[in-house]
Amino acid sequence: MIGSVKGTVAFQAAEYCLIETTGGVGYRVFMPVSQLRTLAAGQTVRVLTYTAVREDAIQLYGFLTQQYYDLFTLLLSVSGVGPKGALGILGAARPEEFYLAVQSRDLKMLTKLPGIGKKTAERMVLELKDKIGTLEGAENDREFAEAVRGNSGSEAVNEAMAALAALGYSNSEILPVLRKIPDYTALKRDELIRKALQLFAKK
């Protein structure tokens, strides 16, 4: 199994790039679209790789960070999610956004991901909710996941979140915005809503 590839980006396509090593070997590596866009021809890169073996092909999937690699392998553990599906998800959402959506049971956000219907989203929550707590990026959002479940300890926060959700915002959109508000747990509901709406307006 090839664990990583280091070399020069020789060619880029819509879903993959060709990385040529100093030994003259070129590896076709499929990557999330969001990470492919950060690369340029002639750039020296090191990507963490996952080797997918099928009856008719051996394909490499690459990631610029350990966090993306870890989530990719985690997604493969979900029934019905294959390498291409997992890659599509990583191209549409950052790992921390995905972790937060699962922790907060945000089916609205999950069903916006490519190839994810309601049943698959529900299966993701069921199969992953107990696995992501120890992964990098998930621990930092634990307090927000608790808030979604009404366990934040602040009635004002829970009421503000409910009001923002009624306006059409998803939990995965609301929580990062609340995190940007200084001392958000000490504020009253109306003030939280006002400040959150101001931050949404700036996006």
N, C-alpha and C. Protein backbone atom coordinates (compact mmCIF):
# COMPACT_ATOMS: atom_id res chain seq x y z
N MET A 1 0.84 -1.19 0.00
CA MET A 1 0.00 0.00 0.00
C MET A 1 0.88 1.25 0.00
N ILE A 2 0.59 2.20 -0.90
CA ILE A 2 1.36 3.44 -0.99
C ILE A 2 0.80 4.43 0.02
N GLY A 3 1.62 4.83 0.99
CA GLY A 3 1.15 5.71 2.07
C GLY A 3 1.25 7.18 1.76
N SER A 4 2.18 7.57 0.90
CA SER A 4 2.31 8.97 0.52
C SER A 4 3.13 9.07 -0.76
N VAL A 5 2.96 10.19 -1.44
CA VAL A 5 3.70 10.46 -2.66
C VAL A 5 4.24 11.88 -2.59
N LYS A 6 5.53 12.04 -2.89
CA LYS A 6 6.14 13.37 -2.92
C LYS A 6 6.76 13.58 -4.30
N GLY A 7 6.43 14.71 -4.89
CA GLY A 7 6.96 15.00 -6.21
C GLY A 7 6.45 16.32 -6.74
N THR A 8 6.52 16.47 -8.06
CA THR A 8 6.12 17.71 -8.71
C THR A 8 4.80 17.51 -9.46
N VAL A 9 3.92 18.47 -9.34
CA VAL A 9 2.65 18.41 -10.06
C VAL A 9 2.94 18.61 -11.55
N ALA A 10 2.77 17.55 -12.32
CA ALA A 10 3.07 17.62 -13.75
C ALA A 10 1.84 17.95 -14.59
N PHE A 11 0.66 17.60 -14.05
CA PHE A 11 -0.56 17.81 -14.82
C PHE A 11 -1.75 17.84 -13.87
N GLN A 12 -2.74 18.66 -14.20
CA GLN A 12 -3.95 18.72 -13.40
C GLN A 12 -5.18 18.53 -14.27
N ALA A 13 -6.12 17.74 -13.78
CA ALA A 13 -7.41 17.54 -14.44
C ALA A 13 -8.52 17.91 -13.46
N ALA A 14 -9.76 17.69 -13.85
CA ALA A 14 -10.88 18.08 -13.01
C ALA A 14 -10.92 17.32 -11.68
N GLU A 15 -10.51 16.03 -11.70
CA GLU A 15 -10.63 15.21 -10.50
C GLU A 15 -9.30 14.69 -9.96
N TYR A 16 -8.24 14.86 -10.72
CA TYR A 16 -6.97 14.31 -10.27
C TYR A 16 -5.80 15.17 -10.75
N CYS A 17 -4.63 14.86 -10.20
CA CYS A 17 -3.40 15.48 -10.69
C CYS A 17 -2.37 14.37 -10.90
N LEU A 18 -1.40 14.64 -11.72
CA LEU A 18 -0.31 13.71 -11.97
C LEU A 18 0.91 14.22 -11.24
N ILE A 19 1.39 13.42 -10.29
CA ILE A 19 2.55 13.81 -9.51
C ILE A 19 3.75 12.97 -9.95
N GLU A 20 4.78 13.65 -10.42
CA GLU A 20 5.97 12.95 -10.91
C GLU A 20 7.06 13.02 -9.86
N THR A 21 7.58 11.85 -9.46
CA THR A 21 8.61 11.79 -8.44
C THR A 21 9.98 12.02 -9.06
N THR A 22 10.98 12.19 -8.18
CA THR A 22 12.34 12.42 -8.68
C THR A 22 12.87 11.20 -9.42
N GLY A 23 12.27 10.06 -9.17
CA GLY A 23 12.70 8.83 -9.86
C GLY A 23 12.09 8.70 -11.24
N GLY A 24 11.25 9.67 -11.62
CA GLY A 24 10.64 9.64 -12.94
C GLY A 24 9.33 8.89 -13.03
N VAL A 25 8.81 8.42 -11.89
CA VAL A 25 7.53 7.72 -11.88
C VAL A 25 6.40 8.73 -11.65
N GLY A 26 5.36 8.66 -12.48
CA GLY A 26 4.22 9.56 -12.33
C GLY A 26 3.03 8.84 -11.72
N TYR A 27 2.46 9.42 -10.69
CA TYR A 27 1.30 8.83 -10.02
C TYR A 27 0.06 9.68 -10.28
N ARG A 28 -1.00 9.06 -10.76
CA ARG A 28 -2.27 9.75 -10.93
C ARG A 28 -3.01 9.68 -9.59
N VAL A 29 -3.22 10.82 -8.99
CA VAL A 29 -3.80 10.88 -7.65
C VAL A 29 -5.12 11.66 -7.69
N PHE A 30 -6.19 10.99 -7.32
CA PHE A 30 -7.50 11.65 -7.23
C PHE A 30 -7.58 12.40 -5.91
N MET A 31 -8.05 13.65 -5.95
CA MET A 31 -8.08 14.48 -4.75
C MET A 31 -9.39 15.26 -4.65
N PRO A 32 -9.75 15.74 -3.45
CA PRO A 32 -10.93 16.60 -3.33
C PRO A 32 -10.74 17.85 -4.18
N VAL A 33 -11.79 18.28 -4.83
CA VAL A 33 -11.72 19.45 -5.71
C VAL A 33 -11.18 20.66 -4.97
N SER A 34 -11.59 20.82 -3.72
CA SER A 34 -11.16 21.98 -2.94
C SER A 34 -9.65 22.01 -2.74
N GLN A 35 -9.02 20.84 -2.65
CA GLN A 35 -7.58 20.79 -2.47
C GLN A 35 -6.85 20.85 -3.81
N LEU A 36 -7.44 20.28 -4.84
CA LEU A 36 -6.83 20.35 -6.17
C LEU A 36 -6.64 21.80 -6.62
N ARG A 37 -7.62 22.64 -6.25
CA ARG A 37 -7.58 24.04 -6.67
C ARG A 37 -6.42 24.81 -6.05
N THR A 38 -5.85 24.28 -4.98
CA THR A 38 -4.74 24.98 -4.32
C THR A 38 -3.40 24.62 -4.96
N LEU A 39 -3.39 23.65 -5.85
CA LEU A 39 -2.15 23.21 -6.48
C LEU A 39 -1.90 23.93 -7.80
N ALA A 40 -0.66 23.91 -8.24
CA ALA A 40 -0.29 24.52 -9.51
C ALA A 40 0.76 23.66 -10.19
N ALA A 41 0.77 23.66 -11.50
CA ALA A 41 1.76 22.89 -12.25
C ALA A 41 3.17 23.34 -11.89
N GLY A 42 4.04 22.37 -11.65
CA GLY A 42 5.41 22.68 -11.27
C GLY A 42 5.63 22.76 -9.78
N GLN A 43 4.55 22.72 -9.01
CA GLN A 43 4.64 22.80 -7.55
C GLN A 43 5.09 21.47 -6.96
N THR A 44 5.95 21.54 -5.95
CA THR A 44 6.38 20.33 -5.24
C THR A 44 5.42 20.08 -4.08
N VAL A 45 4.88 18.89 -4.02
CA VAL A 45 3.89 18.57 -2.99
C VAL A 45 4.15 17.19 -2.39
N ARG A 46 3.60 16.99 -1.23
CA ARG A 46 3.59 15.66 -0.60
C ARG A 46 2.15 15.38 -0.22
N VAL A 47 1.60 14.30 -0.72
CA VAL A 47 0.21 13.97 -0.41
C VAL A 47 0.13 12.63 0.30
N LEU A 48 -0.74 12.56 1.28
CA LEU A 48 -1.02 11.29 1.96
C LEU A 48 -1.97 10.52 1.05
N THR A 49 -1.72 9.26 0.82
CA THR A 49 -2.51 8.52 -0.15
C THR A 49 -3.20 7.30 0.43
N TYR A 50 -4.35 7.01 -0.15
CA TYR A 50 -5.12 5.82 0.17
C TYR A 50 -5.20 5.00 -1.12
N THR A 51 -4.83 3.74 -1.07
CA THR A 51 -4.85 2.88 -2.24
C THR A 51 -6.13 2.06 -2.27
N ALA A 52 -6.94 2.30 -3.30
CA ALA A 52 -8.20 1.55 -3.46
C ALA A 52 -7.99 0.49 -4.54
N VAL A 53 -8.19 -0.75 -4.18
CA VAL A 53 -7.98 -1.86 -5.11
C VAL A 53 -9.32 -2.44 -5.53
N ARG A 54 -9.56 -2.42 -6.85
CA ARG A 54 -10.76 -3.04 -7.41
C ARG A 54 -10.33 -4.15 -8.36
N GLU A 55 -11.31 -4.89 -8.85
CA GLU A 55 -10.99 -5.99 -9.78
C GLU A 55 -10.37 -5.47 -11.07
N ASP A 56 -10.82 -4.27 -11.49
CA ASP A 56 -10.37 -3.76 -12.77
C ASP A 56 -9.41 -2.57 -12.68
N ALA A 57 -9.08 -2.13 -11.45
CA ALA A 57 -8.21 -0.95 -11.35
C ALA A 57 -7.64 -0.80 -9.94
N ILE A 58 -6.50 -0.13 -9.87
CA ILE A 58 -5.91 0.28 -8.60
C ILE A 58 -5.80 1.81 -8.66
N GLN A 59 -6.47 2.50 -7.74
CA GLN A 59 -6.49 3.96 -7.78
C GLN A 59 -5.95 4.56 -6.50
N LEU A 60 -5.29 5.71 -6.64
CA LEU A 60 -4.75 6.43 -5.49
C LEU A 60 -5.62 7.65 -5.20
N TYR A 61 -5.94 7.83 -3.95
CA TYR A 61 -6.67 9.01 -3.50
C TYR A 61 -5.76 9.78 -2.56
N GLY A 62 -5.57 11.06 -2.82
CA GLY A 62 -4.59 11.82 -2.06
C GLY A 62 -5.16 13.00 -1.32
N PHE A 63 -4.46 13.39 -0.22
CA PHE A 63 -4.93 14.46 0.65
C PHE A 63 -3.74 15.25 1.17
N LEU A 64 -3.92 16.56 1.26
CA LEU A 64 -2.82 17.42 1.68
C LEU A 64 -2.64 17.45 3.19
N THR A 65 -3.65 17.03 3.95
CA THR A 65 -3.55 17.04 5.41
C THR A 65 -4.04 15.72 5.99
N GLN A 66 -3.58 15.43 7.19
CA GLN A 66 -3.99 14.21 7.89
C GLN A 66 -5.48 14.24 8.21
N GLN A 67 -6.01 15.43 8.47
CA GLN A 67 -7.42 15.57 8.83
C GLN A 67 -8.33 15.11 7.69
N TYR A 68 -7.97 15.49 6.46
CA TYR A 68 -8.76 15.07 5.30
C TYR A 68 -8.63 13.56 5.08
N TYR A 69 -7.42 13.04 5.26
CA TYR A 69 -7.20 11.60 5.09
C TYR A 69 -8.02 10.82 6.11
N ASP A 70 -8.00 11.27 7.37
CA ASP A 70 -8.74 10.56 8.42
C ASP A 70 -10.23 10.54 8.14
N LEU A 71 -10.77 11.67 7.68
CA LEU A 71 -12.20 11.70 7.40
C LEU A 71 -12.54 10.83 6.20
N PHE A 72 -11.67 10.80 5.21
CA PHE A 72 -11.89 9.95 4.04
C PHE A 72 -12.02 8.48 4.46
N THR A 73 -11.09 8.02 5.27
CA THR A 73 -11.14 6.62 5.70
C THR A 73 -12.35 6.36 6.60
N LEU A 74 -12.74 7.37 7.37
CA LEU A 74 -13.92 7.23 8.22
C LEU A 74 -15.18 7.10 7.36
N LEU A 75 -15.27 7.90 6.31
CA LEU A 75 -16.43 7.84 5.43
C LEU A 75 -16.55 6.49 4.74
N LEU A 76 -15.42 5.86 4.46
CA LEU A 76 -15.46 4.55 3.81
C LEU A 76 -16.06 3.48 4.71
N SER A 77 -16.12 3.76 6.01
CA SER A 77 -16.70 2.79 6.95
C SER A 77 -18.23 2.85 6.95
N VAL A 78 -18.79 3.86 6.30
CA VAL A 78 -20.25 4.01 6.25
C VAL A 78 -20.80 3.12 5.13
N SER A 79 -21.82 2.37 5.43
CA SER A 79 -22.43 1.47 4.45
C SER A 79 -22.89 2.26 3.23
N GLY A 80 -22.46 1.83 2.04
CA GLY A 80 -22.91 2.47 0.82
C GLY A 80 -22.07 3.63 0.35
N VAL A 81 -21.02 4.00 1.09
CA VAL A 81 -20.16 5.12 0.68
C VAL A 81 -18.83 4.56 0.19
N GLY A 82 -18.52 4.80 -1.08
CA GLY A 82 -17.26 4.34 -1.66
C GLY A 82 -16.27 5.47 -1.79
N PRO A 83 -15.08 5.19 -2.33
CA PRO A 83 -14.04 6.21 -2.46
C PRO A 83 -14.47 7.45 -3.23
N LYS A 84 -15.16 7.28 -4.36
CA LYS A 84 -15.57 8.45 -5.14
C LYS A 84 -16.61 9.28 -4.39
N GLY A 85 -17.51 8.60 -3.70
CA GLY A 85 -18.52 9.32 -2.91
C GLY A 85 -17.87 10.09 -1.77
N ALA A 86 -16.91 9.44 -1.09
CA ALA A 86 -16.21 10.11 0.02
C ALA A 86 -15.43 11.31 -0.48
N LEU A 87 -14.82 11.16 -1.66
CA LEU A 87 -14.05 12.26 -2.24
C LEU A 87 -14.96 13.44 -2.57
N GLY A 88 -16.15 13.15 -3.07
CA GLY A 88 -17.09 14.21 -3.38
C GLY A 88 -17.52 14.97 -2.16
N ILE A 89 -17.71 14.25 -1.05
CA ILE A 89 -18.10 14.89 0.21
C ILE A 89 -16.99 15.82 0.68
N LEU A 90 -15.74 15.36 0.62
CA LEU A 90 -14.61 16.17 1.06
C LEU A 90 -14.38 17.37 0.16
N GLY A 91 -14.83 17.27 -1.08
CA GLY A 91 -14.69 18.40 -1.98
C GLY A 91 -15.73 19.48 -1.71
N ALA A 92 -16.82 19.10 -1.01
CA ALA A 92 -17.91 20.04 -0.75
C ALA A 92 -17.94 20.57 0.68
N ALA A 93 -17.27 19.90 1.60
CA ALA A 93 -17.31 20.33 3.00
C ALA A 93 -15.96 20.09 3.68
N ARG A 94 -15.56 21.02 4.51
CA ARG A 94 -14.34 20.84 5.30
C ARG A 94 -14.61 19.80 6.39
N PRO A 95 -13.57 19.08 6.84
CA PRO A 95 -13.77 18.06 7.87
C PRO A 95 -14.50 18.57 9.10
N GLU A 96 -14.12 19.76 9.60
CA GLU A 96 -14.77 20.28 10.81
C GLU A 96 -16.25 20.54 10.58
N GLU A 97 -16.63 20.94 9.36
CA GLU A 97 -18.04 21.17 9.05
C GLU A 97 -18.80 19.84 9.05
N PHE A 98 -18.17 18.82 8.50
CA PHE A 98 -18.82 17.51 8.45
C PHE A 98 -18.97 16.93 9.86
N TYR A 99 -17.90 17.02 10.67
CA TYR A 99 -17.97 16.50 12.03
C TYR A 99 -19.11 17.18 12.80
N LEU A 100 -19.19 18.48 12.64
CA LEU A 100 -20.20 19.25 13.36
C LEU A 100 -21.60 18.86 12.92
N ALA A 101 -21.78 18.65 11.62
CA ALA A 101 -23.10 18.25 11.11
C ALA A 101 -23.52 16.90 11.68
N VAL A 102 -22.58 15.97 11.78
CA VAL A 102 -22.91 14.65 12.34
C VAL A 102 -23.21 14.76 13.82
N GLN A 103 -22.37 15.49 14.56
CA GLN A 103 -22.58 15.63 15.99
C GLN A 103 -23.91 16.30 16.31
N SER A 104 -24.29 17.26 15.48
CA SER A 104 -25.52 18.01 15.74
C SER A 104 -26.73 17.43 15.02
N ARG A 105 -26.51 16.29 14.34
CA ARG A 105 -27.59 15.62 13.61
C ARG A 105 -28.24 16.55 12.60
N ASP A 106 -27.41 17.29 11.91
CA ASP A 106 -27.87 18.29 10.95
C ASP A 106 -28.10 17.63 9.58
N LEU A 107 -29.25 16.99 9.43
CA LEU A 107 -29.56 16.29 8.18
C LEU A 107 -29.70 17.26 7.01
N LYS A 108 -30.10 18.49 7.30
CA LYS A 108 -30.25 19.49 6.25
C LYS A 108 -28.91 19.76 5.57
N MET A 109 -27.85 19.88 6.37
CA MET A 109 -26.53 20.14 5.81
C MET A 109 -26.00 18.90 5.10
N LEU A 110 -26.19 17.74 5.71
CA LEU A 110 -25.65 16.50 5.13
C LEU A 110 -26.29 16.17 3.79
N THR A 111 -27.58 16.44 3.65
CA THR A 111 -28.25 16.12 2.38
C THR A 111 -27.89 17.11 1.27
N LYS A 112 -27.19 18.17 1.62
CA LYS A 112 -26.70 19.10 0.59
C LYS A 112 -25.41 18.59 -0.05
N LEU A 113 -24.78 17.61 0.57
CA LEU A 113 -23.54 17.06 0.05
C LEU A 113 -23.82 16.19 -1.17
N PRO A 114 -22.91 16.16 -2.15
CA PRO A 114 -23.15 15.40 -3.38
C PRO A 114 -23.37 13.91 -3.12
N GLY A 115 -24.45 13.39 -3.69
CA GLY A 115 -24.73 11.97 -3.59
C GLY A 115 -25.32 11.51 -2.28
N ILE A 116 -25.66 12.46 -1.39
CA ILE A 116 -26.19 12.09 -0.07
C ILE A 116 -27.68 12.42 0.02
N GLY A 117 -28.49 11.37 0.09
CA GLY A 117 -29.92 11.54 0.29
C GLY A 117 -30.25 11.45 1.78
N LYS A 118 -31.51 11.55 2.09
CA LYS A 118 -31.93 11.54 3.49
C LYS A 118 -31.55 10.24 4.20
N LYS A 119 -31.77 9.11 3.53
CA LYS A 119 -31.47 7.82 4.17
C LYS A 119 -29.97 7.66 4.43
N THR A 120 -29.15 8.08 3.47
CA THR A 120 -27.70 7.99 3.67
C THR A 120 -27.25 8.93 4.78
N ALA A 121 -27.84 10.11 4.84
CA ALA A 121 -27.50 11.08 5.88
C ALA A 121 -27.84 10.51 7.26
N GLU A 122 -29.01 9.90 7.37
CA GLU A 122 -29.42 9.30 8.64
C GLU A 122 -28.48 8.16 9.03
N ARG A 123 -28.05 7.38 8.02
CA ARG A 123 -27.14 6.27 8.28
C ARG A 123 -25.78 6.81 8.74
N MET A 124 -25.33 7.92 8.15
CA MET A 124 -24.07 8.53 8.56
C MET A 124 -24.10 8.93 10.03
N VAL A 125 -25.19 9.60 10.41
CA VAL A 125 -25.32 10.03 11.80
C VAL A 125 -25.31 8.83 12.73
N LEU A 126 -26.05 7.80 12.36
CA LEU A 126 -26.15 6.61 13.21
C LEU A 126 -24.81 5.89 13.34
N GLU A 127 -24.08 5.76 12.23
CA GLU A 127 -22.85 4.97 12.23
C GLU A 127 -21.62 5.76 12.69
N LEU A 128 -21.67 7.09 12.60
CA LEU A 128 -20.46 7.87 12.89
C LEU A 128 -20.52 8.68 14.18
N LYS A 129 -21.70 8.87 14.73
CA LYS A 129 -21.83 9.79 15.87
C LYS A 129 -20.92 9.42 17.05
N ASP A 130 -20.68 8.12 17.23
CA ASP A 130 -19.84 7.69 18.36
C ASP A 130 -18.36 7.58 17.99
N LYS A 131 -18.04 7.79 16.71
CA LYS A 131 -16.66 7.63 16.25
C LYS A 131 -15.90 8.94 16.14
N ILE A 132 -16.61 10.05 15.95
CA ILE A 132 -15.92 11.29 15.62
C ILE A 132 -15.47 12.08 16.82
N GLY A 133 -15.90 11.70 18.03
CA GLY A 133 -15.54 12.48 19.20
C GLY A 133 -14.04 12.55 19.46
N THR A 134 -13.30 11.53 19.04
CA THR A 134 -11.86 11.49 19.32
C THR A 134 -11.02 11.99 18.15
N LEU A 135 -11.68 12.33 17.03
CA LEU A 135 -10.93 12.77 15.87
C LEU A 135 -10.59 14.25 15.97
N GLU A 136 -9.48 14.62 15.37
CA GLU A 136 -9.05 16.01 15.35
C GLU A 136 -10.12 16.85 14.68
N GLY A 137 -10.46 17.99 15.31
CA GLY A 137 -11.45 18.88 14.74
C GLY A 137 -12.82 18.66 15.37
N ALA A 138 -13.08 17.46 15.87
CA ALA A 138 -14.39 17.20 16.46
C ALA A 138 -14.45 17.67 17.91
N GLU A 139 -13.36 17.49 18.65
CA GLU A 139 -13.36 17.87 20.05
C GLU A 139 -13.66 19.34 20.25
N ASN A 140 -13.15 20.20 19.38
CA ASN A 140 -13.34 21.63 19.51
C ASN A 140 -14.80 22.03 19.36
N ASP A 141 -15.59 21.19 18.73
CA ASP A 141 -16.99 21.52 18.50
C ASP A 141 -17.93 20.79 19.44
N ARG A 142 -17.38 20.10 20.43
CA ARG A 142 -18.22 19.34 21.35
C ARG A 142 -19.22 20.23 22.06
N GLU A 143 -18.78 21.40 22.54
CA GLU A 143 -19.68 22.29 23.26
C GLU A 143 -20.82 22.75 22.37
N PHE A 144 -20.54 22.91 21.07
CA PHE A 144 -21.59 23.36 20.16
C PHE A 144 -22.56 22.23 19.86
N ALA A 145 -22.05 21.02 19.77
CA ALA A 145 -22.94 19.88 19.57
C ALA A 145 -23.87 19.73 20.77
N GLU A 146 -23.33 19.99 21.96
CA GLU A 146 -24.16 19.93 23.16
C GLU A 146 -25.24 21.01 23.10
N ALA A 147 -24.87 22.17 22.57
CA ALA A 147 -25.84 23.26 22.47
C ALA A 147 -27.00 22.87 21.56
N VAL A 148 -26.68 22.20 20.47
CA VAL A 148 -27.72 21.78 19.53
C VAL A 148 -28.70 20.84 20.20
N ARG A 149 -28.19 20.01 21.09
CA ARG A 149 -29.07 19.04 21.77
C ARG A 149 -29.75 19.66 22.99
N GLY A 150 -29.55 20.99 23.17
CA GLY A 150 -30.20 21.68 24.27
C GLY A 150 -29.49 21.51 25.59
N ASN A 151 -28.21 21.12 25.56
CA ASN A 151 -27.46 20.87 26.79
C ASN A 151 -26.37 21.90 27.03
N SER A 152 -26.52 23.08 26.44
CA SER A 152 -25.45 24.06 26.54
C SER A 152 -25.38 24.71 27.92
N GLY A 153 -26.45 24.59 28.70
CA GLY A 153 -26.44 25.24 30.00
C GLY A 153 -26.90 26.68 29.89
N SER A 154 -27.15 27.17 28.70
CA SER A 154 -27.60 28.54 28.49
C SER A 154 -28.92 28.51 27.74
N GLU A 155 -29.98 28.90 28.42
CA GLU A 155 -31.29 28.92 27.77
C GLU A 155 -31.32 29.94 26.64
N ALA A 156 -30.61 31.06 26.82
CA ALA A 156 -30.57 32.10 25.79
C ALA A 156 -29.94 31.57 24.50
N VAL A 157 -28.87 30.78 24.65
CA VAL A 157 -28.21 30.21 23.47
C VAL A 157 -29.15 29.27 22.74
N ASN A 158 -29.80 28.40 23.48
CA ASN A 158 -30.72 27.44 22.86
C ASN A 158 -31.87 28.15 22.17
N GLU A 159 -32.40 29.21 22.79
CA GLU A 159 -33.52 29.94 22.19
C GLU A 159 -33.07 30.71 20.95
N ALA A 160 -31.85 31.27 21.02
CA ALA A 160 -31.32 32.00 19.87
C ALA A 160 -31.11 31.05 18.69
N MET A 161 -30.59 29.86 18.98
CA MET A 161 -30.38 28.88 17.92
C MET A 161 -31.69 28.46 17.29
N ALA A 162 -32.71 28.28 18.11
CA ALA A 162 -34.03 27.89 17.60
C ALA A 162 -34.60 28.99 16.70
N ALA A 163 -34.40 30.24 17.10
CA ALA A 163 -34.90 31.37 16.32
C ALA A 163 -34.18 31.48 14.98
N LEU A 164 -32.88 31.29 14.99
CA LEU A 164 -32.09 31.36 13.76
C LEU A 164 -32.43 30.20 12.84
N ALA A 165 -32.69 29.04 13.42
CA ALA A 165 -33.08 27.88 12.61
C ALA A 165 -34.43 28.14 11.95
N ALA A 166 -35.32 28.83 12.65
CA ALA A 166 -36.63 29.16 12.10
C ALA A 166 -36.51 30.12 10.91
N LEU A 167 -35.40 30.87 10.86
CA LEU A 167 -35.16 31.79 9.76
C LEU A 167 -34.54 31.09 8.55
N GLY A 168 -34.26 29.79 8.70
CA GLY A 168 -33.75 29.03 7.57
C GLY A 168 -32.29 28.65 7.63
N TYR A 169 -31.61 29.04 8.71
CA TYR A 169 -30.20 28.68 8.84
C TYR A 169 -30.09 27.29 9.44
N SER A 170 -29.09 26.52 8.99
CA SER A 170 -28.89 25.18 9.53
C SER A 170 -27.97 25.26 10.75
N ASN A 171 -27.99 24.21 11.57
CA ASN A 171 -27.14 24.18 12.76
C ASN A 171 -25.66 24.35 12.41
N SER A 172 -25.26 23.75 11.28
CA SER A 172 -23.86 23.82 10.88
C SER A 172 -23.47 25.22 10.42
N GLU A 173 -24.45 26.05 10.09
CA GLU A 173 -24.18 27.44 9.76
C GLU A 173 -24.21 28.31 11.02
N ILE A 174 -25.13 27.98 11.93
CA ILE A 174 -25.34 28.79 13.13
C ILE A 174 -24.17 28.66 14.11
N LEU A 175 -23.73 27.45 14.37
CA LEU A 175 -22.74 27.22 15.43
C LEU A 175 -21.41 27.94 15.21
N PRO A 176 -20.83 27.89 14.01
CA PRO A 176 -19.57 28.62 13.80
C PRO A 176 -19.73 30.13 13.99
N VAL A 177 -20.93 30.65 13.63
CA VAL A 177 -21.18 32.09 13.80
C VAL A 177 -21.27 32.44 15.29
N LEU A 178 -21.96 31.61 16.06
CA LEU A 178 -22.04 31.85 17.51
C LEU A 178 -20.66 31.84 18.14
N ARG A 179 -19.79 30.96 17.65
CA ARG A 179 -18.45 30.84 18.20
C ARG A 179 -17.65 32.13 18.02
N LYS A 180 -18.00 32.91 17.00
CA LYS A 180 -17.28 34.15 16.74
C LYS A 180 -17.72 35.30 17.65
N ILE A 181 -18.84 35.11 18.36
CA ILE A 181 -19.35 36.16 19.24
C ILE A 181 -18.69 36.05 20.61
N PRO A 182 -17.95 37.09 21.04
CA PRO A 182 -17.28 37.04 22.35
C PRO A 182 -18.27 36.82 23.48
N ASP A 183 -17.93 35.91 24.39
CA ASP A 183 -18.76 35.63 25.57
C ASP A 183 -20.23 35.36 25.21
N TYR A 184 -20.40 34.56 24.16
CA TYR A 184 -21.76 34.35 23.67
C TYR A 184 -22.69 33.71 24.70
N THR A 185 -22.14 32.91 25.62
CA THR A 185 -22.99 32.24 26.61
C THR A 185 -23.53 33.20 27.66
N ALA A 186 -22.94 34.39 27.73
CA ALA A 186 -23.37 35.36 28.74
C ALA A 186 -24.38 36.36 28.20
N LEU A 187 -24.64 36.30 26.89
CA LEU A 187 -25.54 37.28 26.27
C LEU A 187 -26.99 36.82 26.30
N LYS A 188 -27.90 37.79 26.18
CA LYS A 188 -29.32 37.48 26.13
C LYS A 188 -29.71 37.04 24.73
N ARG A 189 -30.85 36.38 24.64
CA ARG A 189 -31.28 35.80 23.36
C ARG A 189 -31.31 36.82 22.23
N ASP A 190 -32.00 37.94 22.45
CA ASP A 190 -32.17 38.93 21.38
C ASP A 190 -30.82 39.50 20.93
N GLU A 191 -29.91 39.68 21.87
CA GLU A 191 -28.59 40.21 21.52
C GLU A 191 -27.80 39.18 20.72
N LEU A 192 -27.93 37.93 21.09
CA LEU A 192 -27.27 36.86 20.34
C LEU A 192 -27.79 36.80 18.90
N ILE A 193 -29.10 36.89 18.76
CA ILE A 193 -29.70 36.85 17.43
C ILE A 193 -29.23 38.03 16.59
N ARG A 194 -29.22 39.22 17.19
CA ARG A 194 -28.81 40.42 16.46
C ARG A 194 -27.37 40.31 15.99
N LYS A 195 -26.48 39.90 16.89
CA LYS A 195 -25.06 39.77 16.53
C LYS A 195 -24.84 38.68 15.49
N ALA A 196 -25.57 37.58 15.62
CA ALA A 196 -25.42 36.49 14.66
C ALA A 196 -25.87 36.93 13.27
N LEU A 197 -26.99 37.63 13.20
CA LEU A 197 -27.49 38.10 11.91
C LEU A 197 -26.53 39.09 11.27
N GLN A 198 -25.86 39.91 12.09
CA GLN A 198 -24.86 40.84 11.56
C GLN A 198 -23.70 40.08 10.93
N LEU A 199 -23.29 39.01 11.59
CA LEU A 199 -22.19 38.18 11.04
C LEU A 199 -22.63 37.46 9.77
N PHE A 200 -23.87 36.98 9.75
CA PHE A 200 -24.35 36.32 8.52
C PHE A 200 -24.39 37.30 7.37
N ALA A 201 -24.76 38.55 7.67
CA ALA A 201 -24.87 39.57 6.61
C ALA A 201 -23.51 39.90 6.00
N LYS A 202 -22.44 39.67 6.75
CA LYS A 202 -21.09 39.99 6.27
C LYS A 202 -20.52 38.90 5.38
N LYS A 203 -21.16 37.71 5.41
CA LYS A 203 -20.63 36.60 4.61
C LYS A 203 -20.87 36.83 3.13
